């Protein structure tokens, strides 16, 4: 019986970690950018949850500007770029695109 409880605790903990924003390689939550979660690797989380609602911030997201060029759309600045096919993204510190969930 103790082995069954141990297995339930281990699998339950890993399932919970998989359902949190910025889990896995993203390294956890760094801070909120309005309703978006900014991860420790600089990307934005694909979570549908509201960061400001979870952490008691303001319920309104700050205005977001959409830019056509990649200049000035770093993650965490509140500005996003639009790609050639309409995708909205920001640039991580490593220069990779992190797309915003629709």
PDB file of N, CA and C in Angstrom:
ATOM      1  N   UNK A   1       0.798  -1.193   0.000  1.00  0.00           N
ATOM      2  CA  UNK A   1       0.000   0.000   0.000  1.00  0.00           C
ATOM      3  C   UNK A   1       0.854   1.278   0.000  1.00  0.00           C
ATOM      4  N   UNK A   2       1.952   1.347   0.772  1.00  0.00           N
ATOM      5  CA  UNK A   2       2.774   2.564   0.743  1.00  0.00           C
ATOM      6  C   UNK A   2       3.370   2.837  -0.635  1.00  0.00           C
ATOM      7  N   UNK A   3       3.640   1.808  -1.406  1.00  0.00           N
ATOM      8  CA  UNK A   3       4.205   1.987  -2.742  1.00  0.00           C
ATOM      9  C   UNK A   3       3.175   2.658  -3.656  1.00  0.00           C
ATOM     10  N   UNK A   4       1.925   2.272  -3.525  1.00  0.00           N
ATOM     11  CA  UNK A   4       0.866   2.871  -4.332  1.00  0.00           C
ATOM     12  C   UNK A   4       0.738   4.358  -4.010  1.00  0.00           C
ATOM     13  N   UNK A   5       0.795   4.710  -2.739  1.00  0.00           N
ATOM     14  CA  UNK A   5       0.713   6.117  -2.343  1.00  0.00           C
ATOM     15  C   UNK A   5       1.900   6.902  -2.873  1.00  0.00           C
ATOM     16  N   UNK A   6       3.070   6.289  -2.823  1.00  0.00           N
ATOM     17  CA  UNK A   6       4.275   6.947  -3.340  1.00  0.00           C
ATOM     18  C   UNK A   6       4.143   7.197  -4.841  1.00  0.00           C
ATOM     19  N   UNK A   7       3.658   6.218  -5.587  1.00  0.00           N
ATOM     20  CA  UNK A   7       3.469   6.387  -7.028  1.00  0.00           C
ATOM     21  C   UNK A   7       2.434   7.466  -7.336  1.00  0.00           C
ATOM     22  N   UNK A   8       1.370   7.522  -6.563  1.00  0.00           N
ATOM     23  CA  UNK A   8       0.369   8.565  -6.767  1.00  0.00           C
ATOM     24  C   UNK A   8       0.945   9.950  -6.507  1.00  0.00           C
ATOM     25  N   UNK A   9       1.774  10.069  -5.486  1.00  0.00           N
ATOM     26  CA  UNK A   9       2.389  11.368  -5.182  1.00  0.00           C
ATOM     27  C   UNK A   9       3.349  11.793  -6.286  1.00  0.00           C
ATOM     28  N   UNK A  10       4.134  10.871  -6.800  1.00  0.00           N
ATOM     29  CA  UNK A  10       5.107  11.197  -7.841  1.00  0.00           C
ATOM     30  C   UNK A  10       4.412  11.571  -9.136  1.00  0.00           C
ATOM     31  N   UNK A  11       3.447  10.782  -9.577  1.00  0.00           N
ATOM     32  CA  UNK A  11       2.761  11.093 -10.836  1.00  0.00           C
ATOM     33  C   UNK A  11       1.869  12.307 -10.695  1.00  0.00           C
ATOM     34  N   UNK A  12       1.265  12.500  -9.539  1.00  0.00           N
ATOM     35  CA  UNK A  12       0.428  13.676  -9.325  1.00  0.00           C
ATOM     36  C   UNK A  12       1.249  14.952  -9.346  1.00  0.00           C
ATOM     37  N   UNK A  13       2.450  14.925  -8.775  1.00  0.00           N
ATOM     38  CA  UNK A  13       3.315  16.100  -8.766  1.00  0.00           C
ATOM     39  C   UNK A  13       3.813  16.459 -10.144  1.00  0.00           C
ATOM     40  N   UNK A  14       4.161  15.469 -10.958  1.00  0.00           N
ATOM     41  CA  UNK A  14       4.644  15.770 -12.306  1.00  0.00           C
ATOM     42  C   UNK A  14       3.502  16.255 -13.201  1.00  0.00           C
ATOM     43  N   UNK A  15       2.305  15.744 -12.987  1.00  0.00           N
ATOM     44  CA  UNK A  15       1.164  16.224 -13.770  1.00  0.00           C
ATOM     45  C   UNK A  15       0.842  17.665 -13.403  1.00  0.00           C
ATOM     46  N   UNK A  16       0.963  18.017 -12.130  1.00  0.00           N
ATOM     47  CA  UNK A  16       0.696  19.389 -11.707  1.00  0.00           C
ATOM     48  C   UNK A  16       1.736  20.330 -12.296  1.00  0.00           C
ATOM     49  N   UNK A  17       3.002  19.921 -12.313  1.00  0.00           N
ATOM     50  CA  UNK A  17       4.063  20.777 -12.853  1.00  0.00           C
ATOM     51  C   UNK A  17       3.861  21.010 -14.343  1.00  0.00           C
ATOM     52  N   UNK A  18       3.310  20.042 -15.059  1.00  0.00           N
ATOM     53  CA  UNK A  18       3.088  20.193 -16.485  1.00  0.00           C
ATOM     54  C   UNK A  18       1.954  21.151 -16.816  1.00  0.00           C
ATOM     55  N   UNK A  19       1.125  21.466 -15.839  1.00  0.00           N
ATOM     56  CA  UNK A  19      -0.019  22.347 -16.082  1.00  0.00           C
ATOM     57  C   UNK A  19       0.216  23.762 -15.580  1.00  0.00           C
ATOM     58  N   UNK A  20       1.428  24.090 -15.198  1.00  0.00           N
ATOM     59  CA  UNK A  20       1.715  25.434 -14.726  1.00  0.00           C
ATOM     60  C   UNK A  20       2.345  26.245 -15.857  1.00  0.00           C
ATOM     61  N   UNK A  21       2.096  27.533 -15.893  1.00  0.00           N
ATOM     62  CA  UNK A  21       2.721  28.366 -16.922  1.00  0.00           C
ATOM     63  C   UNK A  21       4.239  28.357 -16.789  1.00  0.00           C
ATOM     64  N   UNK A  22       4.920  28.403 -17.904  1.00  0.00           N
ATOM     65  CA  UNK A  22       6.388  28.475 -17.951  1.00  0.00           C
ATOM     66  C   UNK A  22       7.080  27.256 -17.360  1.00  0.00           C
ATOM     67  N   UNK A  23       6.441  26.096 -17.404  1.00  0.00           N
ATOM     68  CA  UNK A  23       7.072  24.907 -16.853  1.00  0.00           C
ATOM     69  C   UNK A  23       8.056  24.312 -17.849  1.00  0.00           C
ATOM     70  N   UNK A  24       8.826  23.369 -17.389  1.00  0.00           N
ATOM     71  CA  UNK A  24       9.798  22.683 -18.235  1.00  0.00           C
ATOM     72  C   UNK A  24      11.001  23.531 -18.567  1.00  0.00           C
ATOM     73  N   UNK A  25      11.385  23.554 -19.827  1.00  0.00           N
ATOM     74  CA  UNK A  25      12.590  24.265 -20.272  1.00  0.00           C
ATOM     75  C   UNK A  25      12.487  25.772 -20.109  1.00  0.00           C
ATOM     76  N   UNK A  26      11.285  26.296 -19.948  1.00  0.00           N
ATOM     77  CA  UNK A  26      11.120  27.749 -19.814  1.00  0.00           C
ATOM     78  C   UNK A  26      11.616  28.262 -18.465  1.00  0.00           C
ATOM     79  N   UNK A  27      11.782  27.391 -17.482  1.00  0.00           N
ATOM     80  CA  UNK A  27      12.431  27.748 -16.231  1.00  0.00           C
ATOM     81  C   UNK A  27      11.572  28.416 -15.183  1.00  0.00           C
ATOM     82  N   UNK A  28      10.274  28.448 -15.342  1.00  0.00           N
ATOM     83  CA  UNK A  28       9.414  29.055 -14.338  1.00  0.00           C
ATOM     84  C   UNK A  28       9.002  30.472 -14.717  1.00  0.00           C
ATOM     85  N   UNK A  29       8.151  31.038 -13.884  1.00  0.00           N
ATOM     86  CA  UNK A  29       7.600  32.375 -14.144  1.00  0.00           C
ATOM     87  C   UNK A  29       8.558  33.439 -13.632  1.00  0.00           C
ATOM     88  N   UNK A  30       8.879  34.408 -14.486  1.00  0.00           N
ATOM     89  CA  UNK A  30       9.707  35.540 -14.087  1.00  0.00           C
ATOM     90  C   UNK A  30       8.830  36.665 -13.557  1.00  0.00           C
ATOM     91  N   UNK A  31       7.847  37.090 -14.344  1.00  0.00           N
ATOM     92  CA  UNK A  31       6.938  38.169 -13.932  1.00  0.00           C
ATOM     93  C   UNK A  31       5.753  38.209 -14.890  1.00  0.00           C
ATOM     94  N   UNK A  32       4.830  39.114 -14.607  1.00  0.00           N
ATOM     95  CA  UNK A  32       3.652  39.301 -15.450  1.00  0.00           C
ATOM     96  C   UNK A  32       3.874  40.470 -16.403  1.00  0.00           C
ATOM     97  N   UNK A  33       3.275  40.373 -17.571  1.00  0.00           N
ATOM     98  CA  UNK A  33       3.188  41.484 -18.509  1.00  0.00           C
ATOM     99  C   UNK A  33       1.714  41.603 -18.857  1.00  0.00           C
ATOM    100  N   UNK A  34       0.970  42.291 -18.011  1.00  0.00           N
ATOM    101  CA  UNK A  34      -0.482  42.317 -18.153  1.00  0.00           C
ATOM    102  C   UNK A  34      -1.036  40.956 -17.803  1.00  0.00           C
ATOM    103  N   UNK A  35      -1.755  40.337 -18.710  1.00  0.00           N
ATOM    104  CA  UNK A  35      -2.300  39.000 -18.475  1.00  0.00           C
ATOM    105  C   UNK A  35      -1.339  37.892 -18.900  1.00  0.00           C
ATOM    106  N   UNK A  36      -0.234  38.235 -19.538  1.00  0.00           N
ATOM    107  CA  UNK A  36       0.718  37.242 -20.027  1.00  0.00           C
ATOM    108  C   UNK A  36       1.753  36.893 -18.968  1.00  0.00           C
ATOM    109  N   UNK A  37       2.200  35.639 -18.981  1.00  0.00           N
ATOM    110  CA  UNK A  37       3.283  35.195 -18.111  1.00  0.00           C
ATOM    111  C   UNK A  37       4.599  35.343 -18.859  1.00  0.00           C
ATOM    112  N   UNK A  38       5.566  36.040 -18.290  1.00  0.00           N
ATOM    113  CA  UNK A  38       6.909  36.094 -18.853  1.00  0.00           C
ATOM    114  C   UNK A  38       7.737  35.041 -18.140  1.00  0.00           C
ATOM    115  N   UNK A  39       8.374  34.173 -18.919  1.00  0.00           N
ATOM    116  CA  UNK A  39       9.138  33.066 -18.361  1.00  0.00           C
ATOM    117  C   UNK A  39      10.593  33.474 -18.120  1.00  0.00           C
ATOM    118  N   UNK A  40      11.290  32.666 -17.326  1.00  0.00           N
ATOM    119  CA  UNK A  40      12.685  32.961 -16.998  1.00  0.00           C
ATOM    120  C   UNK A  40      13.609  32.912 -18.204  1.00  0.00           C
ATOM    121  N   UNK A  41      13.223  32.211 -19.271  1.00  0.00           N
ATOM    122  CA  UNK A  41      14.064  32.183 -20.471  1.00  0.00           C
ATOM    123  C   UNK A  41      13.791  33.372 -21.391  1.00  0.00           C
ATOM    124  N   UNK A  42      12.881  34.262 -20.982  1.00  0.00           N
ATOM    125  CA  UNK A  42      12.586  35.460 -21.759  1.00  0.00           C
ATOM    126  C   UNK A  42      11.396  35.337 -22.675  1.00  0.00           C
ATOM    127  N   UNK A  43      10.824  34.158 -22.820  1.00  0.00           N
ATOM    128  CA  UNK A  43       9.688  33.969 -23.714  1.00  0.00           C
ATOM    129  C   UNK A  43       8.384  34.219 -22.968  1.00  0.00           C
ATOM    130  N   UNK A  44       7.278  34.245 -23.721  1.00  0.00           N
ATOM    131  CA  UNK A  44       5.967  34.353 -23.098  1.00  0.00           C
ATOM    132  C   UNK A  44       5.332  32.969 -23.081  1.00  0.00           C
ATOM    133  N   UNK A  45       4.572  32.703 -22.046  1.00  0.00           N
ATOM    134  CA  UNK A  45       3.933  31.408 -21.892  1.00  0.00           C
ATOM    135  C   UNK A  45       2.721  31.297 -22.809  1.00  0.00           C
ATOM    136  N   UNK A  46       2.434  30.095 -23.241  1.00  0.00           N
ATOM    137  CA  UNK A  46       1.248  29.840 -24.048  1.00  0.00           C
ATOM    138  C   UNK A  46       0.012  29.598 -23.203  1.00  0.00           C
ATOM    139  N   UNK A  47       0.112  29.813 -21.904  1.00  0.00           N
ATOM    140  CA  UNK A  47      -0.990  29.548 -20.991  1.00  0.00           C
ATOM    141  C   UNK A  47      -2.180  30.465 -21.281  1.00  0.00           C
ATOM    142  N   UNK A  48      -3.371  29.928 -21.107  1.00  0.00           N
ATOM    143  CA  UNK A  48      -4.584  30.719 -21.269  1.00  0.00           C
ATOM    144  C   UNK A  48      -4.983  31.395 -19.960  1.00  0.00           C
ATOM    145  N   UNK A  49      -4.256  31.081 -18.877  1.00  0.00           N
ATOM    146  CA  UNK A  49      -4.554  31.682 -17.584  1.00  0.00           C
ATOM    147  C   UNK A  49      -4.131  33.148 -17.584  1.00  0.00           C
ATOM    148  N   UNK A  50      -4.706  33.923 -16.671  1.00  0.00           N
ATOM    149  CA  UNK A  50      -4.371  35.332 -16.542  1.00  0.00           C
ATOM    150  C   UNK A  50      -3.350  35.509 -15.429  1.00  0.00           C
ATOM    151  N   UNK A  51      -2.185  36.024 -15.765  1.00  0.00           N
ATOM    152  CA  UNK A  51      -1.132  36.227 -14.780  1.00  0.00           C
ATOM    153  C   UNK A  51      -1.550  37.275 -13.758  1.00  0.00           C
ATOM    154  N   UNK A  52      -2.143  38.368 -14.221  1.00  0.00           N
ATOM    155  CA  UNK A  52      -2.534  39.427 -13.293  1.00  0.00           C
ATOM    156  C   UNK A  52      -3.623  38.948 -12.338  1.00  0.00           C
ATOM    157  N   UNK A  53      -4.491  38.051 -12.783  1.00  0.00           N
ATOM    158  CA  UNK A  53      -5.530  37.520 -11.906  1.00  0.00           C
ATOM    159  C   UNK A  53      -4.938  36.560 -10.878  1.00  0.00           C
ATOM    160  N   UNK A  54      -3.928  35.788 -11.265  1.00  0.00           N
ATOM    161  CA  UNK A  54      -3.327  34.828 -10.350  1.00  0.00           C
ATOM    162  C   UNK A  54      -2.480  35.499  -9.280  1.00  0.00           C
ATOM    163  N   UNK A  55      -1.794  36.579  -9.638  1.00  0.00           N
ATOM    164  CA  UNK A  55      -0.850  37.201  -8.717  1.00  0.00           C
ATOM    165  C   UNK A  55      -1.319  38.544  -8.183  1.00  0.00           C
ATOM    166  N   UNK A  56      -2.580  38.845  -8.340  1.00  0.00           N
ATOM    167  CA  UNK A  56      -3.152  40.021  -7.719  1.00  0.00           C
ATOM    168  C   UNK A  56      -2.773  41.342  -8.348  1.00  0.00           C
ATOM    169  N   UNK A  57      -2.340  41.325  -9.579  1.00  0.00           N
ATOM    170  CA  UNK A  57      -2.035  42.568 -10.267  1.00  0.00           C
ATOM    171  C   UNK A  57      -3.311  43.223 -10.746  1.00  0.00           C
ATOM    172  N   UNK A  58      -3.164  44.225 -11.546  1.00  0.00           N
ATOM    173  CA  UNK A  58      -4.344  44.882 -12.091  1.00  0.00           C
ATOM    174  C   UNK A  58      -5.021  43.954 -13.080  1.00  0.00           C
ATOM    175  N   UNK A  59      -6.307  44.060 -13.176  1.00  0.00           N
ATOM    176  CA  UNK A  59      -7.051  43.164 -14.058  1.00  0.00           C
ATOM    177  C   UNK A  59      -6.982  43.603 -15.508  1.00  0.00           C
ATOM    178  N   UNK A  60      -6.550  44.827 -15.748  1.00  0.00           N
ATOM    179  CA  UNK A  60      -6.461  45.309 -17.119  1.00  0.00           C
ATOM    180  C   UNK A  60      -5.034  45.175 -17.617  1.00  0.00           C
ATOM    181  N   UNK A  61      -4.892  44.641 -18.793  1.00  0.00           N
ATOM    182  CA  UNK A  61      -3.572  44.571 -19.402  1.00  0.00           C
ATOM    183  C   UNK A  61      -3.218  45.947 -19.938  1.00  0.00           C
ATOM    184  N   UNK A  62      -1.942  46.254 -19.936  1.00  0.00           N
ATOM    185  CA  UNK A  62      -1.557  47.559 -20.466  1.00  0.00           C
ATOM    186  C   UNK A  62      -1.684  47.550 -21.985  1.00  0.00           C
ATOM    187  N   UNK A  63      -1.816  48.707 -22.599  1.00  0.00           N
ATOM    188  CA  UNK A  63      -1.983  48.762 -24.052  1.00  0.00           C
ATOM    189  C   UNK A  63      -0.801  48.108 -24.758  1.00  0.00           C
ATOM    190  N   UNK A  64      -1.091  47.384 -25.809  1.00  0.00           N
ATOM    191  CA  UNK A  64      -0.050  46.692 -26.552  1.00  0.00           C
ATOM    192  C   UNK A  64       0.013  47.257 -27.957  1.00  0.00           C
ATOM    193  N   UNK A  65       1.193  47.668 -28.346  1.00  0.00           N
ATOM    194  CA  UNK A  65       1.390  48.196 -29.687  1.00  0.00           C
ATOM    195  C   UNK A  65       1.844  47.055 -30.591  1.00  0.00           C
ATOM    196  N   UNK A  66       1.359  47.039 -31.804  1.00  0.00           N
ATOM    197  CA  UNK A  66       1.796  46.061 -32.789  1.00  0.00           C
ATOM    198  C   UNK A  66       2.702  46.770 -33.787  1.00  0.00           C
ATOM    199  N   UNK A  67       3.900  46.262 -33.942  1.00  0.00           N
ATOM    200  CA  UNK A  67       4.884  46.861 -34.828  1.00  0.00           C
ATOM    201  C   UNK A  67       5.076  45.987 -36.061  1.00  0.00           C
ATOM    202  N   UNK A  68       5.458  46.591 -37.153  1.00  0.00           N
ATOM    203  CA  UNK A  68       5.718  45.836 -38.379  1.00  0.00           C
ATOM    204  C   UNK A  68       7.169  45.371 -38.446  1.00  0.00           C
ATOM    205  N   UNK A  69       8.100  46.111 -37.832  1.00  0.00           N
ATOM    206  CA  UNK A  69       9.500  45.702 -37.861  1.00  0.00           C
ATOM    207  C   UNK A  69       9.868  45.074 -36.531  1.00  0.00           C
ATOM    208  N   UNK A  70      10.978  44.366 -36.490  1.00  0.00           N
ATOM    209  CA  UNK A  70      11.399  43.671 -35.280  1.00  0.00           C
ATOM    210  C   UNK A  70      12.064  44.597 -34.271  1.00  0.00           C
ATOM    211  N   UNK A  71      12.257  45.862 -34.602  1.00  0.00           N
ATOM    212  CA  UNK A  71      12.888  46.800 -33.682  1.00  0.00           C
ATOM    213  C   UNK A  71      11.920  47.151 -32.561  1.00  0.00           C
ATOM    214  N   UNK A  72      12.329  46.955 -31.323  1.00  0.00           N
ATOM    215  CA  UNK A  72      11.534  47.388 -30.186  1.00  0.00           C
ATOM    216  C   UNK A  72      10.432  46.458 -29.746  1.00  0.00           C
ATOM    217  N   UNK A  73      10.445  45.205 -30.136  1.00  0.00           N
ATOM    218  CA  UNK A  73       9.377  44.307 -29.682  1.00  0.00           C
ATOM    219  C   UNK A  73       9.951  43.199 -28.797  1.00  0.00           C
ATOM    220  N   UNK A  74      10.786  43.576 -27.855  1.00  0.00           N
ATOM    221  CA  UNK A  74      11.337  42.605 -26.911  1.00  0.00           C
ATOM    222  C   UNK A  74      10.245  42.158 -25.955  1.00  0.00           C
ATOM    223  N   UNK A  75      10.295  40.905 -25.536  1.00  0.00           N
ATOM    224  CA  UNK A  75       9.314  40.389 -24.584  1.00  0.00           C
ATOM    225  C   UNK A  75       9.417  41.169 -23.280  1.00  0.00           C
ATOM    226  N   UNK A  76       8.292  41.532 -22.725  1.00  0.00           N
ATOM    227  CA  UNK A  76       8.246  42.255 -21.472  1.00  0.00           C
ATOM    228  C   UNK A  76       8.113  43.752 -21.623  1.00  0.00           C
ATOM    229  N   UNK A  77       8.154  44.249 -22.847  1.00  0.00           N
ATOM    230  CA  UNK A  77       8.036  45.689 -23.061  1.00  0.00           C
ATOM    231  C   UNK A  77       6.606  46.110 -23.370  1.00  0.00           C
ATOM    232  N   UNK A  78       5.726  45.143 -23.590  1.00  0.00           N
ATOM    233  CA  UNK A  78       4.342  45.455 -23.926  1.00  0.00           C
ATOM    234  C   UNK A  78       4.126  45.717 -25.401  1.00  0.00           C
ATOM    235  N   UNK A  79       5.175  45.593 -26.214  1.00  0.00           N
ATOM    236  CA  UNK A  79       5.036  45.768 -27.658  1.00  0.00           C
ATOM    237  C   UNK A  79       5.264  44.428 -28.338  1.00  0.00           C
ATOM    238  N   UNK A  80       4.535  44.192 -29.396  1.00  0.00           N
ATOM    239  CA  UNK A  80       4.637  42.944 -30.144  1.00  0.00           C
ATOM    240  C   UNK A  80       4.798  43.255 -31.614  1.00  0.00           C
ATOM    241  N   UNK A  81       5.437  42.371 -32.333  1.00  0.00           N
ATOM    242  CA  UNK A  81       5.569  42.485 -33.780  1.00  0.00           C
ATOM    243  C   UNK A  81       4.548  41.568 -34.437  1.00  0.00           C
ATOM    244  N   UNK A  82       4.198  41.880 -35.673  1.00  0.00           N
ATOM    245  CA  UNK A  82       3.335  40.998 -36.446  1.00  0.00           C
ATOM    246  C   UNK A  82       4.150  40.378 -37.564  1.00  0.00           C
ATOM    247  N   UNK A  83       4.004  39.077 -37.708  1.00  0.00           N
ATOM    248  CA  UNK A  83       4.725  38.355 -38.732  1.00  0.00           C
ATOM    249  C   UNK A  83       4.036  38.469 -40.082  1.00  0.00           C
ATOM    250  N   UNK A  84       4.647  37.900 -41.131  1.00  0.00           N
ATOM    251  CA  UNK A  84       4.092  38.001 -42.481  1.00  0.00           C
ATOM    252  C   UNK A  84       2.743  37.299 -42.646  1.00  0.00           C
ATOM    253  N   UNK A  85       2.458  36.311 -41.764  1.00  0.00           N
ATOM    254  CA  UNK A  85       1.177  35.615 -41.853  1.00  0.00           C
ATOM    255  C   UNK A  85       0.231  36.005 -40.726  1.00  0.00           C
ATOM    256  N   UNK A  86       0.520  37.124 -40.074  1.00  0.00           N
ATOM    257  CA  UNK A  86      -0.393  37.641 -39.060  1.00  0.00           C
ATOM    258  C   UNK A  86      -0.122  37.183 -37.643  1.00  0.00           C
ATOM    259  N   UNK A  87       0.903  36.395 -37.422  1.00  0.00           N
ATOM    260  CA  UNK A  87       1.236  35.959 -36.069  1.00  0.00           C
ATOM    261  C   UNK A  87       1.776  37.114 -35.237  1.00  0.00           C
ATOM    262  N   UNK A  88       1.444  37.137 -33.962  1.00  0.00           N
ATOM    263  CA  UNK A  88       1.897  38.191 -33.055  1.00  0.00           C
ATOM    264  C   UNK A  88       2.964  37.597 -32.150  1.00  0.00           C
ATOM    265  N   UNK A  89       4.129  38.232 -32.105  1.00  0.00           N
ATOM    266  CA  UNK A  89       5.244  37.674 -31.339  1.00  0.00           C
ATOM    267  C   UNK A  89       6.069  38.781 -30.700  1.00  0.00           C
ATOM    268  N   UNK A  90       6.939  38.358 -29.769  1.00  0.00           N
ATOM    269  CA  UNK A  90       7.949  39.252 -29.207  1.00  0.00           C
ATOM    270  C   UNK A  90       9.282  38.525 -29.314  1.00  0.00           C
ATOM    271  N   UNK A  91      10.362  39.254 -29.162  1.00  0.00           N
ATOM    272  CA  UNK A  91      11.692  38.673 -29.272  1.00  0.00           C
ATOM    273  C   UNK A  91      12.271  38.408 -27.887  1.00  0.00           C
ATOM    274  N   UNK A  92      12.742  37.175 -27.659  1.00  0.00           N
ATOM    275  CA  UNK A  92      13.370  36.820 -26.396  1.00  0.00           C
ATOM    276  C   UNK A  92      14.772  37.416 -26.346  1.00  0.00           C
ATOM    277  N   UNK A  93      15.415  37.439 -25.180  1.00  0.00           N
ATOM    278  CA  UNK A  93      16.776  37.963 -25.096  1.00  0.00           C
ATOM    279  C   UNK A  93      17.766  37.235 -26.008  1.00  0.00           C
ATOM    280  N   UNK A  94      17.498  35.967 -26.308  1.00  0.00           N
ATOM    281  CA  UNK A  94      18.390  35.214 -27.201  1.00  0.00           C
ATOM    282  C   UNK A  94      18.090  35.476 -28.664  1.00  0.00           C
ATOM    283  N   UNK A  95      17.065  36.293 -28.976  1.00  0.00           N
ATOM    284  CA  UNK A  95      16.741  36.632 -30.344  1.00  0.00           C
ATOM    285  C   UNK A  95      15.698  35.751 -30.998  1.00  0.00           C
ATOM    286  N   UNK A  96      15.150  34.786 -30.262  1.00  0.00           N
ATOM    287  CA  UNK A  96      14.115  33.907 -30.809  1.00  0.00           C
ATOM    288  C   UNK A  96      12.751  34.569 -30.701  1.00  0.00           C
ATOM    289  N   UNK A  97      11.852  34.183 -31.591  1.00  0.00           N
ATOM    290  CA  UNK A  97      10.490  34.700 -31.562  1.00  0.00           C
ATOM    291  C   UNK A  97       9.673  33.854 -30.586  1.00  0.00           C
ATOM    292  N   UNK A  98       8.878  34.528 -29.771  1.00  0.00           N
ATOM    293  CA  UNK A  98       7.949  33.858 -28.863  1.00  0.00           C
ATOM    294  C   UNK A  98       6.556  34.346 -29.226  1.00  0.00           C
ATOM    295  N   UNK A  99       5.747  33.438 -29.793  1.00  0.00           N
ATOM    296  CA  UNK A  99       4.434  33.811 -30.318  1.00  0.00           C
ATOM    297  C   UNK A  99       3.388  33.885 -29.218  1.00  0.00           C
ATOM    298  N   UNK A 100       2.510  34.847 -29.347  1.00  0.00           N
ATOM    299  CA  UNK A 100       1.406  35.043 -28.419  1.00  0.00           C
ATOM    300  C   UNK A 100       0.259  34.155 -28.857  1.00  0.00           C
ATOM    301  N   UNK A 101      -0.331  33.453 -27.898  1.00  0.00           N
ATOM    302  CA  UNK A 101      -1.464  32.575 -28.182  1.00  0.00           C
ATOM    303  C   UNK A 101      -2.664  33.424 -28.589  1.00  0.00           C
ATOM    304  N   UNK A 102      -3.419  32.950 -29.569  1.00  0.00           N
ATOM    305  CA  UNK A 102      -4.593  33.689 -30.056  1.00  0.00           C
ATOM    306  C   UNK A 102      -5.741  33.564 -29.115  1.00  0.00           C
TER     307      UNK A 102
END
